[in-house]
Amino acid sequence: MSAWIEMIPEAEATGVLREMYDQALTPHGTVDNVMKAHSLRPHTMQGHVALYKSVLHHPDITLPLWFLEVVASYTSIKNSCEYSLTHHFMNARRLMDNDAHADDVYAALQNGEPQTMFSGKELALLEYAAKLTVNVGSMEKSDIDALHAVGCNDGEILEVNQVVAYFNYSNRLLNGLGVTTEGDAVGYYK
C-alpha cells in the first residue's frame, strides 16, 4: 500500500485524470505518489502540479536549485515528512554532485545545526525557513529585515518563502494521507 486512501493506478487513468497524470510525469516517465494521492479529485492535482513547477522548476528562479532543494529538505525535516525528504534531498544530492558534502549537509540539517555547513545569506534563509515552518504565528517584519541585513533581496526571500509554503502544504498532504515512496522513482532528476 502506498497511501491510506485509494490511488488510481496510471494504467487505469482516463479522461481528466489521464491528462493530469500526463502533466505530472517526472523525467523518469512516471507519476509519483504525491500526485497519485490526488487521483480521486484530479482538479486538486492541477493546482499542485502548477505550484510545484513554479517554485522549483521555473526558468526565472534566481537562487541555486540545489539550495532550494536543501530548503525543501529542511522544511520536510521540521515537519517529519520522510516522503518529501527522501525525494528532495536526493535532488539536492544530485545537484550538489559531491556525495561527501551532501552527507555533511544532510547530517547538519537532521541535527538542526545548519550553521555547521552554511553561513551568511544561506544560513539566514534556512533559519527563516525553519521559523516559517514551526513557528509561523511569530513571524515579524524583523525576520525579513534580518534577511536584508545579510544581503538577501526581496525576490530571493520570496523564492524561499514559496518553497517553504509549498512544502508545508505538500508535507501535510503526504503525512495526512500516509503516502509512501513505494513504487516511486526517487528524486526528480535522473
N, C-alpha and C. Protein backbone atom coordinates (compact mmCIF):
# COMPACT_ATOMS: atom_id res chain seq x y z
N MET A 1 0.84 -1.19 0.00
CA MET A 1 0.00 0.00 0.00
C MET A 1 0.88 1.24 0.00
N SER A 2 0.54 2.22 -0.82
CA SER A 2 1.33 3.44 -0.94
C SER A 2 0.67 4.64 -0.28
N ALA A 3 -0.55 4.47 0.22
CA ALA A 3 -1.25 5.54 0.93
C ALA A 3 -2.41 4.93 1.71
N TRP A 4 -2.95 5.70 2.61
CA TRP A 4 -4.08 5.23 3.41
C TRP A 4 -5.40 5.39 2.68
N ILE A 5 -5.39 6.06 1.52
CA ILE A 5 -6.60 6.19 0.71
C ILE A 5 -6.32 5.57 -0.66
N GLU A 6 -7.37 5.34 -1.41
CA GLU A 6 -7.24 4.78 -2.75
C GLU A 6 -6.50 5.75 -3.66
N MET A 7 -5.61 5.18 -4.47
CA MET A 7 -4.94 5.95 -5.53
C MET A 7 -5.15 5.17 -6.82
N ILE A 8 -5.64 5.84 -7.83
CA ILE A 8 -5.91 5.19 -9.11
C ILE A 8 -4.60 4.99 -9.87
N PRO A 9 -4.27 3.75 -10.22
CA PRO A 9 -3.03 3.48 -10.94
C PRO A 9 -3.00 4.17 -12.31
N GLU A 10 -1.80 4.48 -12.77
CA GLU A 10 -1.65 5.14 -14.07
C GLU A 10 -2.35 4.36 -15.18
N ALA A 11 -2.24 3.05 -15.17
CA ALA A 11 -2.81 2.22 -16.23
C ALA A 11 -4.33 2.29 -16.28
N GLU A 12 -4.96 2.70 -15.19
CA GLU A 12 -6.42 2.79 -15.13
C GLU A 12 -6.94 4.21 -15.30
N ALA A 13 -6.04 5.17 -15.47
CA ALA A 13 -6.45 6.58 -15.56
C ALA A 13 -7.04 6.88 -16.93
N THR A 14 -8.17 7.58 -16.93
CA THR A 14 -8.83 8.02 -18.16
C THR A 14 -9.26 9.47 -18.00
N GLY A 15 -9.65 10.08 -19.11
CA GLY A 15 -10.22 11.43 -19.10
C GLY A 15 -9.32 12.46 -18.45
N VAL A 16 -9.90 13.27 -17.57
CA VAL A 16 -9.18 14.36 -16.91
C VAL A 16 -8.02 13.81 -16.09
N LEU A 17 -8.22 12.70 -15.42
CA LEU A 17 -7.15 12.13 -14.62
C LEU A 17 -5.97 11.73 -15.50
N ARG A 18 -6.23 11.16 -16.66
CA ARG A 18 -5.14 10.79 -17.57
C ARG A 18 -4.38 12.06 -17.99
N GLU A 19 -5.12 13.13 -18.31
CA GLU A 19 -4.48 14.40 -18.68
C GLU A 19 -3.60 14.92 -17.55
N MET A 20 -4.10 14.85 -16.32
CA MET A 20 -3.33 15.34 -15.18
C MET A 20 -2.11 14.48 -14.94
N TYR A 21 -2.24 13.18 -15.06
CA TYR A 21 -1.07 12.31 -14.91
C TYR A 21 -0.03 12.65 -15.97
N ASP A 22 -0.47 12.93 -17.18
CA ASP A 22 0.48 13.31 -18.22
C ASP A 22 1.22 14.60 -17.87
N GLN A 23 0.53 15.55 -17.25
CA GLN A 23 1.17 16.80 -16.83
C GLN A 23 2.11 16.60 -15.65
N ALA A 24 1.85 15.56 -14.85
CA ALA A 24 2.64 15.31 -13.64
C ALA A 24 3.82 14.35 -13.88
N LEU A 25 4.04 13.93 -15.10
CA LEU A 25 5.13 12.98 -15.37
C LEU A 25 6.48 13.56 -14.95
N THR A 26 7.27 12.73 -14.30
CA THR A 26 8.63 13.11 -13.93
C THR A 26 9.55 12.85 -15.13
N PRO A 27 10.79 13.32 -15.07
CA PRO A 27 11.74 12.99 -16.13
C PRO A 27 11.97 11.48 -16.29
N HIS A 28 11.60 10.70 -15.27
CA HIS A 28 11.71 9.25 -15.34
C HIS A 28 10.56 8.63 -16.13
N GLY A 29 9.55 9.46 -16.48
CA GLY A 29 8.38 8.96 -17.20
C GLY A 29 7.35 8.32 -16.29
N THR A 30 7.40 8.64 -15.01
CA THR A 30 6.47 8.08 -14.02
C THR A 30 5.70 9.20 -13.33
N VAL A 31 4.66 8.82 -12.63
CA VAL A 31 3.90 9.76 -11.80
C VAL A 31 4.15 9.35 -10.35
N ASP A 32 4.68 10.27 -9.56
CA ASP A 32 4.97 9.99 -8.17
C ASP A 32 3.69 9.91 -7.34
N ASN A 33 3.79 9.19 -6.24
CA ASN A 33 2.65 9.00 -5.35
C ASN A 33 2.10 10.31 -4.79
N VAL A 34 2.94 11.32 -4.64
CA VAL A 34 2.47 12.61 -4.16
C VAL A 34 1.38 13.16 -5.09
N MET A 35 1.47 12.87 -6.37
CA MET A 35 0.44 13.31 -7.32
C MET A 35 -0.69 12.30 -7.41
N LYS A 36 -0.36 11.01 -7.34
CA LYS A 36 -1.41 9.99 -7.38
C LYS A 36 -2.36 10.12 -6.20
N ALA A 37 -1.89 10.68 -5.11
CA ALA A 37 -2.76 10.87 -3.94
C ALA A 37 -3.96 11.75 -4.27
N HIS A 38 -3.87 12.53 -5.33
CA HIS A 38 -4.97 13.41 -5.76
C HIS A 38 -5.94 12.71 -6.72
N SER A 39 -5.69 11.46 -7.06
CA SER A 39 -6.38 10.83 -8.19
C SER A 39 -7.90 10.79 -8.06
N LEU A 40 -8.43 10.79 -6.87
CA LEU A 40 -9.88 10.78 -6.71
C LEU A 40 -10.50 12.16 -6.95
N ARG A 41 -9.65 13.20 -6.92
CA ARG A 41 -10.07 14.58 -7.20
C ARG A 41 -8.99 15.24 -8.06
N PRO A 42 -8.93 14.90 -9.35
CA PRO A 42 -7.81 15.36 -10.19
C PRO A 42 -7.68 16.88 -10.30
N HIS A 43 -8.78 17.60 -10.06
CA HIS A 43 -8.67 19.06 -10.13
C HIS A 43 -7.70 19.60 -9.07
N THR A 44 -7.56 18.89 -7.94
CA THR A 44 -6.60 19.34 -6.94
C THR A 44 -5.17 19.07 -7.39
N MET A 45 -4.98 18.03 -8.20
CA MET A 45 -3.65 17.74 -8.74
C MET A 45 -3.20 18.86 -9.68
N GLN A 46 -4.13 19.44 -10.41
CA GLN A 46 -3.79 20.51 -11.34
C GLN A 46 -3.12 21.68 -10.62
N GLY A 47 -3.71 22.11 -9.51
CA GLY A 47 -3.12 23.19 -8.73
C GLY A 47 -1.80 22.79 -8.13
N HIS A 48 -1.70 21.56 -7.66
CA HIS A 48 -0.48 21.07 -7.05
C HIS A 48 0.68 21.05 -8.05
N VAL A 49 0.41 20.52 -9.23
CA VAL A 49 1.45 20.48 -10.27
C VAL A 49 1.92 21.89 -10.63
N ALA A 50 0.98 22.80 -10.81
CA ALA A 50 1.33 24.18 -11.17
C ALA A 50 2.18 24.84 -10.09
N LEU A 51 1.79 24.67 -8.85
CA LEU A 51 2.54 25.28 -7.75
C LEU A 51 3.93 24.67 -7.65
N TYR A 52 4.02 23.35 -7.70
CA TYR A 52 5.32 22.67 -7.61
C TYR A 52 6.27 23.16 -8.70
N LYS A 53 5.79 23.18 -9.92
CA LYS A 53 6.66 23.60 -11.03
C LYS A 53 7.05 25.07 -10.92
N SER A 54 6.18 25.89 -10.37
CA SER A 54 6.50 27.32 -10.25
C SER A 54 7.55 27.60 -9.19
N VAL A 55 7.61 26.79 -8.13
CA VAL A 55 8.57 27.08 -7.06
C VAL A 55 9.90 26.36 -7.21
N LEU A 56 9.95 25.27 -7.99
CA LEU A 56 11.21 24.55 -8.13
C LEU A 56 11.68 24.31 -9.56
N HIS A 57 10.85 24.60 -10.55
CA HIS A 57 11.25 24.29 -11.92
C HIS A 57 10.91 25.40 -12.91
N HIS A 58 10.92 26.62 -12.45
CA HIS A 58 10.62 27.75 -13.33
C HIS A 58 11.92 28.41 -13.78
N PRO A 59 12.02 28.81 -15.03
CA PRO A 59 13.27 29.40 -15.52
C PRO A 59 13.64 30.74 -14.89
N ASP A 60 12.71 31.40 -14.23
CA ASP A 60 13.02 32.70 -13.62
C ASP A 60 13.54 32.61 -12.19
N ILE A 61 13.67 31.41 -11.65
CA ILE A 61 14.23 31.23 -10.31
C ILE A 61 15.68 31.71 -10.34
N THR A 62 16.09 32.46 -9.31
CA THR A 62 17.46 33.00 -9.29
C THR A 62 18.38 32.31 -8.29
N LEU A 63 17.83 31.80 -7.20
CA LEU A 63 18.67 31.08 -6.24
C LEU A 63 19.08 29.73 -6.83
N PRO A 64 20.24 29.22 -6.43
CA PRO A 64 20.67 27.92 -6.95
C PRO A 64 19.65 26.83 -6.61
N LEU A 65 19.35 26.01 -7.58
CA LEU A 65 18.35 24.97 -7.40
C LEU A 65 18.75 23.99 -6.30
N TRP A 66 20.05 23.68 -6.18
CA TRP A 66 20.48 22.76 -5.12
C TRP A 66 20.11 23.34 -3.75
N PHE A 67 20.23 24.68 -3.61
CA PHE A 67 19.93 25.30 -2.33
C PHE A 67 18.43 25.27 -2.05
N LEU A 68 17.61 25.51 -3.07
CA LEU A 68 16.16 25.44 -2.87
C LEU A 68 15.74 24.01 -2.49
N GLU A 69 16.42 23.01 -3.03
CA GLU A 69 16.14 21.63 -2.64
C GLU A 69 16.57 21.38 -1.19
N VAL A 70 17.63 22.03 -0.75
CA VAL A 70 18.04 21.96 0.66
C VAL A 70 16.97 22.61 1.53
N VAL A 71 16.46 23.76 1.12
CA VAL A 71 15.37 24.42 1.86
C VAL A 71 14.16 23.49 1.94
N ALA A 72 13.82 22.86 0.83
CA ALA A 72 12.71 21.90 0.80
C ALA A 72 12.96 20.76 1.79
N SER A 73 14.18 20.27 1.80
CA SER A 73 14.53 19.16 2.69
C SER A 73 14.46 19.59 4.16
N TYR A 74 14.96 20.78 4.45
CA TYR A 74 14.95 21.26 5.84
C TYR A 74 13.51 21.47 6.32
N THR A 75 12.67 22.01 5.47
CA THR A 75 11.26 22.16 5.79
C THR A 75 10.64 20.79 6.08
N SER A 76 10.97 19.82 5.25
CA SER A 76 10.43 18.47 5.41
C SER A 76 10.95 17.79 6.67
N ILE A 77 12.19 18.06 7.04
CA ILE A 77 12.72 17.55 8.31
C ILE A 77 11.93 18.15 9.47
N LYS A 78 11.72 19.46 9.43
CA LYS A 78 10.98 20.13 10.50
C LYS A 78 9.56 19.59 10.62
N ASN A 79 8.99 19.11 9.52
CA ASN A 79 7.64 18.54 9.52
C ASN A 79 7.62 17.02 9.66
N SER A 80 8.77 16.41 9.83
CA SER A 80 8.88 14.94 9.91
C SER A 80 8.21 14.27 8.71
N CYS A 81 8.45 14.81 7.52
CA CYS A 81 7.87 14.25 6.30
C CYS A 81 8.95 13.47 5.55
N GLU A 82 9.00 12.19 5.81
CA GLU A 82 10.01 11.31 5.21
C GLU A 82 9.89 11.26 3.69
N TYR A 83 8.66 11.30 3.18
CA TYR A 83 8.45 11.24 1.73
C TYR A 83 9.18 12.38 1.03
N SER A 84 8.85 13.60 1.40
CA SER A 84 9.47 14.76 0.73
C SER A 84 10.97 14.81 0.98
N LEU A 85 11.38 14.48 2.19
CA LEU A 85 12.81 14.48 2.49
C LEU A 85 13.55 13.48 1.60
N THR A 86 13.00 12.30 1.45
CA THR A 86 13.64 11.27 0.61
C THR A 86 13.80 11.76 -0.82
N HIS A 87 12.73 12.29 -1.39
CA HIS A 87 12.78 12.77 -2.77
C HIS A 87 13.69 14.00 -2.92
N HIS A 88 13.50 14.99 -2.06
CA HIS A 88 14.14 16.28 -2.31
C HIS A 88 15.57 16.35 -1.82
N PHE A 89 15.93 15.54 -0.83
CA PHE A 89 17.36 15.52 -0.55
C PHE A 89 18.11 14.74 -1.62
N MET A 90 17.45 13.76 -2.24
CA MET A 90 18.08 13.08 -3.38
C MET A 90 18.32 14.10 -4.50
N ASN A 91 17.36 14.99 -4.71
CA ASN A 91 17.55 16.05 -5.71
C ASN A 91 18.73 16.94 -5.33
N ALA A 92 18.78 17.37 -4.07
CA ALA A 92 19.88 18.22 -3.61
C ALA A 92 21.21 17.50 -3.82
N ARG A 93 21.25 16.24 -3.43
CA ARG A 93 22.48 15.43 -3.58
C ARG A 93 22.92 15.39 -5.05
N ARG A 94 22.00 15.12 -5.94
CA ARG A 94 22.35 15.03 -7.36
C ARG A 94 22.83 16.38 -7.90
N LEU A 95 22.19 17.45 -7.45
CA LEU A 95 22.57 18.79 -7.92
C LEU A 95 23.90 19.25 -7.32
N MET A 96 24.18 18.85 -6.08
CA MET A 96 25.47 19.20 -5.45
C MET A 96 26.60 18.43 -6.12
N ASP A 97 26.32 17.22 -6.55
CA ASP A 97 27.30 16.37 -7.25
C ASP A 97 28.57 16.16 -6.42
N ASN A 98 28.39 16.00 -5.11
CA ASN A 98 29.50 15.75 -4.20
C ASN A 98 28.92 15.00 -3.00
N ASP A 99 29.00 13.69 -3.02
CA ASP A 99 28.34 12.88 -2.00
C ASP A 99 28.84 13.16 -0.59
N ALA A 100 30.13 13.36 -0.42
CA ALA A 100 30.66 13.63 0.92
C ALA A 100 30.09 14.93 1.47
N HIS A 101 30.07 15.97 0.65
CA HIS A 101 29.50 17.25 1.07
C HIS A 101 28.00 17.10 1.34
N ALA A 102 27.31 16.38 0.47
CA ALA A 102 25.88 16.17 0.67
C ALA A 102 25.61 15.43 1.97
N ASP A 103 26.43 14.44 2.30
CA ASP A 103 26.28 13.72 3.57
C ASP A 103 26.42 14.67 4.76
N ASP A 104 27.39 15.58 4.68
CA ASP A 104 27.61 16.54 5.76
C ASP A 104 26.44 17.51 5.87
N VAL A 105 25.92 17.96 4.74
CA VAL A 105 24.76 18.86 4.74
C VAL A 105 23.57 18.15 5.35
N TYR A 106 23.34 16.92 4.94
CA TYR A 106 22.22 16.14 5.45
C TYR A 106 22.30 16.00 6.97
N ALA A 107 23.48 15.64 7.46
CA ALA A 107 23.67 15.48 8.92
C ALA A 107 23.41 16.80 9.64
N ALA A 108 23.89 17.89 9.10
CA ALA A 108 23.67 19.20 9.74
C ALA A 108 22.19 19.54 9.81
N LEU A 109 21.47 19.28 8.73
CA LEU A 109 20.03 19.56 8.72
C LEU A 109 19.30 18.65 9.69
N GLN A 110 19.62 17.37 9.68
CA GLN A 110 18.96 16.42 10.58
C GLN A 110 19.20 16.77 12.04
N ASN A 111 20.38 17.28 12.34
CA ASN A 111 20.73 17.65 13.71
C ASN A 111 20.23 19.04 14.10
N GLY A 112 19.57 19.74 13.17
CA GLY A 112 19.11 21.09 13.46
C GLY A 112 20.24 22.08 13.63
N GLU A 113 21.35 21.81 12.95
CA GLU A 113 22.54 22.66 13.06
C GLU A 113 23.03 23.11 11.69
N PRO A 114 22.19 23.82 10.94
CA PRO A 114 22.63 24.25 9.61
C PRO A 114 23.86 25.16 9.65
N GLN A 115 24.09 25.80 10.80
CA GLN A 115 25.24 26.71 10.93
C GLN A 115 26.57 25.97 10.79
N THR A 116 26.58 24.65 10.92
CA THR A 116 27.83 23.91 10.75
C THR A 116 28.22 23.77 9.28
N MET A 117 27.27 24.01 8.38
CA MET A 117 27.55 23.87 6.94
C MET A 117 27.24 25.13 6.14
N PHE A 118 26.49 26.04 6.72
CA PHE A 118 26.06 27.23 6.00
C PHE A 118 26.39 28.48 6.81
N SER A 119 26.51 29.59 6.11
CA SER A 119 26.72 30.88 6.76
C SER A 119 26.06 31.96 5.91
N GLY A 120 26.11 33.18 6.40
CA GLY A 120 25.62 34.32 5.65
C GLY A 120 24.18 34.17 5.17
N LYS A 121 23.98 34.50 3.92
CA LYS A 121 22.66 34.51 3.32
C LYS A 121 22.00 33.13 3.38
N GLU A 122 22.74 32.08 3.06
CA GLU A 122 22.16 30.73 3.05
C GLU A 122 21.68 30.34 4.45
N LEU A 123 22.50 30.59 5.46
CA LEU A 123 22.11 30.25 6.82
C LEU A 123 20.88 31.04 7.24
N ALA A 124 20.87 32.32 6.95
CA ALA A 124 19.73 33.15 7.32
C ALA A 124 18.45 32.67 6.65
N LEU A 125 18.54 32.26 5.39
CA LEU A 125 17.36 31.75 4.69
C LEU A 125 16.89 30.42 5.28
N LEU A 126 17.81 29.57 5.70
CA LEU A 126 17.43 28.32 6.34
C LEU A 126 16.78 28.57 7.70
N GLU A 127 17.29 29.53 8.44
CA GLU A 127 16.68 29.88 9.73
C GLU A 127 15.27 30.44 9.52
N TYR A 128 15.11 31.26 8.49
CA TYR A 128 13.80 31.79 8.13
C TYR A 128 12.85 30.63 7.79
N ALA A 129 13.34 29.68 7.00
CA ALA A 129 12.52 28.53 6.60
C ALA A 129 12.06 27.74 7.83
N ALA A 130 12.97 27.54 8.77
CA ALA A 130 12.63 26.78 9.98
C ALA A 130 11.56 27.51 10.79
N LYS A 131 11.74 28.80 10.99
CA LYS A 131 10.76 29.57 11.78
C LYS A 131 9.41 29.60 11.08
N LEU A 132 9.43 29.80 9.76
CA LEU A 132 8.19 29.85 9.00
C LEU A 132 7.44 28.52 9.08
N THR A 133 8.18 27.44 9.23
CA THR A 133 7.57 26.11 9.31
C THR A 133 7.05 25.79 10.70
N VAL A 134 7.85 26.03 11.73
CA VAL A 134 7.47 25.56 13.07
C VAL A 134 6.90 26.64 13.98
N ASN A 135 7.02 27.90 13.59
CA ASN A 135 6.56 28.98 14.46
C ASN A 135 5.97 30.12 13.64
N VAL A 136 5.14 29.77 12.68
CA VAL A 136 4.63 30.74 11.71
C VAL A 136 3.90 31.91 12.38
N GLY A 137 3.25 31.66 13.48
CA GLY A 137 2.49 32.72 14.14
C GLY A 137 3.34 33.81 14.75
N SER A 138 4.64 33.58 14.88
CA SER A 138 5.51 34.59 15.46
C SER A 138 6.36 35.33 14.42
N MET A 139 6.05 35.14 13.15
CA MET A 139 6.80 35.85 12.11
C MET A 139 6.56 37.36 12.25
N GLU A 140 7.65 38.12 12.08
CA GLU A 140 7.59 39.58 12.20
C GLU A 140 8.41 40.21 11.09
N LYS A 141 8.22 41.50 10.89
CA LYS A 141 9.00 42.24 9.90
C LYS A 141 10.49 42.11 10.16
N SER A 142 10.86 41.98 11.42
CA SER A 142 12.28 41.85 11.75
C SER A 142 12.90 40.58 11.14
N ASP A 143 12.08 39.57 10.87
CA ASP A 143 12.59 38.37 10.21
C ASP A 143 13.05 38.69 8.79
N ILE A 144 12.31 39.54 8.13
CA ILE A 144 12.68 39.97 6.77
C ILE A 144 13.86 40.94 6.84
N ASP A 145 13.83 41.84 7.82
CA ASP A 145 14.94 42.78 8.00
C ASP A 145 16.26 42.04 8.18
N ALA A 146 16.23 40.94 8.94
CA ALA A 146 17.44 40.15 9.16
C ALA A 146 17.95 39.55 7.85
N LEU A 147 17.04 39.16 6.97
CA LEU A 147 17.45 38.63 5.67
C LEU A 147 18.06 39.72 4.80
N HIS A 148 17.46 40.89 4.83
CA HIS A 148 18.02 42.03 4.08
C HIS A 148 19.43 42.35 4.59
N ALA A 149 19.62 42.26 5.91
CA ALA A 149 20.90 42.62 6.51
C ALA A 149 22.05 41.72 6.04
N VAL A 150 21.74 40.50 5.63
CA VAL A 150 22.81 39.61 5.14
C VAL A 150 22.87 39.55 3.62
N GLY A 151 22.15 40.47 2.96
CA GLY A 151 22.27 40.59 1.51
C GLY A 151 21.19 39.93 0.68
N CYS A 152 20.14 39.42 1.30
CA CYS A 152 19.05 38.83 0.52
C CYS A 152 18.21 39.94 -0.11
N ASN A 153 17.86 39.76 -1.37
CA ASN A 153 16.93 40.70 -1.96
C ASN A 153 15.51 40.13 -1.84
N ASP A 154 14.53 40.97 -2.11
CA ASP A 154 13.14 40.56 -1.91
C ASP A 154 12.75 39.39 -2.80
N GLY A 155 13.28 39.33 -4.01
CA GLY A 155 12.98 38.20 -4.90
C GLY A 155 13.49 36.89 -4.33
N GLU A 156 14.69 36.90 -3.77
CA GLU A 156 15.25 35.68 -3.15
C GLU A 156 14.43 35.27 -1.93
N ILE A 157 14.03 36.25 -1.15
CA ILE A 157 13.20 35.96 0.03
C ILE A 157 11.89 35.33 -0.42
N LEU A 158 11.29 35.88 -1.46
CA LEU A 158 10.03 35.33 -1.98
C LEU A 158 10.22 33.91 -2.49
N GLU A 159 11.34 33.64 -3.18
CA GLU A 159 11.58 32.29 -3.68
C GLU A 159 11.62 31.28 -2.53
N VAL A 160 12.35 31.61 -1.46
CA VAL A 160 12.44 30.70 -0.32
C VAL A 160 11.08 30.61 0.38
N ASN A 161 10.40 31.73 0.54
CA ASN A 161 9.07 31.73 1.14
C ASN A 161 8.14 30.78 0.41
N GLN A 162 8.17 30.81 -0.90
CA GLN A 162 7.27 29.97 -1.69
C GLN A 162 7.65 28.49 -1.62
N VAL A 163 8.94 28.19 -1.58
CA VAL A 163 9.37 26.80 -1.41
C VAL A 163 8.89 26.28 -0.06
N VAL A 164 9.09 27.07 0.99
CA VAL A 164 8.67 26.66 2.33
C VAL A 164 7.15 26.50 2.38
N ALA A 165 6.43 27.47 1.84
CA ALA A 165 4.96 27.38 1.85
C ALA A 165 4.48 26.15 1.08
N TYR A 166 5.07 25.90 -0.08
CA TYR A 166 4.70 24.72 -0.86
C TYR A 166 4.96 23.43 -0.07
N PHE A 167 6.15 23.32 0.54
CA PHE A 167 6.46 22.08 1.24
C PHE A 167 5.65 21.91 2.51
N ASN A 168 5.26 22.99 3.16
CA ASN A 168 4.34 22.84 4.29
C ASN A 168 3.01 22.28 3.80
N TYR A 169 2.53 22.73 2.66
CA TYR A 169 1.32 22.17 2.05
C TYR A 169 1.53 20.69 1.70
N SER A 170 2.57 20.42 0.95
CA SER A 170 2.82 19.07 0.46
C SER A 170 3.09 18.09 1.61
N ASN A 171 3.87 18.52 2.61
CA ASN A 171 4.15 17.65 3.75
C ASN A 171 2.86 17.25 4.47
N ARG A 172 1.92 18.17 4.56
CA ARG A 172 0.66 17.86 5.23
C ARG A 172 -0.20 16.93 4.38
N LEU A 173 -0.17 17.11 3.08
CA LEU A 173 -0.86 16.19 2.18
C LEU A 173 -0.30 14.78 2.37
N LEU A 174 1.01 14.66 2.32
CA LEU A 174 1.68 13.36 2.38
C LEU A 174 1.52 12.69 3.74
N ASN A 175 1.84 13.40 4.81
CA ASN A 175 1.73 12.82 6.15
C ASN A 175 0.27 12.55 6.52
N GLY A 176 -0.63 13.42 6.12
CA GLY A 176 -2.04 13.27 6.46
C GLY A 176 -2.73 12.12 5.76
N LEU A 177 -2.17 11.67 4.63
CA LEU A 177 -2.75 10.55 3.88
C LEU A 177 -1.87 9.32 3.90
N GLY A 178 -0.77 9.38 4.65
CA GLY A 178 0.10 8.21 4.76
C GLY A 178 0.76 7.80 3.45
N VAL A 179 1.10 8.76 2.61
CA VAL A 179 1.69 8.46 1.31
C VAL A 179 3.15 8.05 1.50
N THR A 180 3.54 6.96 0.83
CA THR A 180 4.92 6.47 0.90
C THR A 180 5.58 6.57 -0.48
N THR A 181 6.86 6.34 -0.50
CA THR A 181 7.61 6.35 -1.77
C THR A 181 7.56 5.01 -2.50
N GLU A 182 6.84 4.05 -1.96
CA GLU A 182 6.75 2.72 -2.58
C GLU A 182 6.30 2.84 -4.04
N GLY A 183 7.15 2.37 -4.94
CA GLY A 183 6.86 2.43 -6.37
C GLY A 183 7.33 3.68 -7.07
N ASP A 184 7.77 4.69 -6.32
CA ASP A 184 8.27 5.93 -6.93
C ASP A 184 9.70 5.74 -7.44
N ALA A 185 10.05 6.49 -8.47
CA ALA A 185 11.46 6.65 -8.85
C ALA A 185 11.93 7.84 -8.01
N VAL A 186 12.75 7.60 -6.99
CA VAL A 186 13.07 8.64 -6.02
C VAL A 186 13.95 9.71 -6.64
N GLY A 187 13.54 10.96 -6.44
CA GLY A 187 14.25 12.12 -6.98
C GLY A 187 13.70 12.51 -8.34
N TYR A 188 13.70 13.80 -8.58
CA TYR A 188 13.16 14.33 -9.83
C TYR A 188 14.15 14.17 -10.98
N TYR A 189 15.42 14.33 -10.66
CA TYR A 189 16.44 14.32 -11.70
C TYR A 189 16.99 12.93 -11.92
N LYS A 190 17.27 12.60 -13.17
CA LYS A 190 17.87 11.30 -13.49
C LYS A 190 19.32 11.28 -13.09
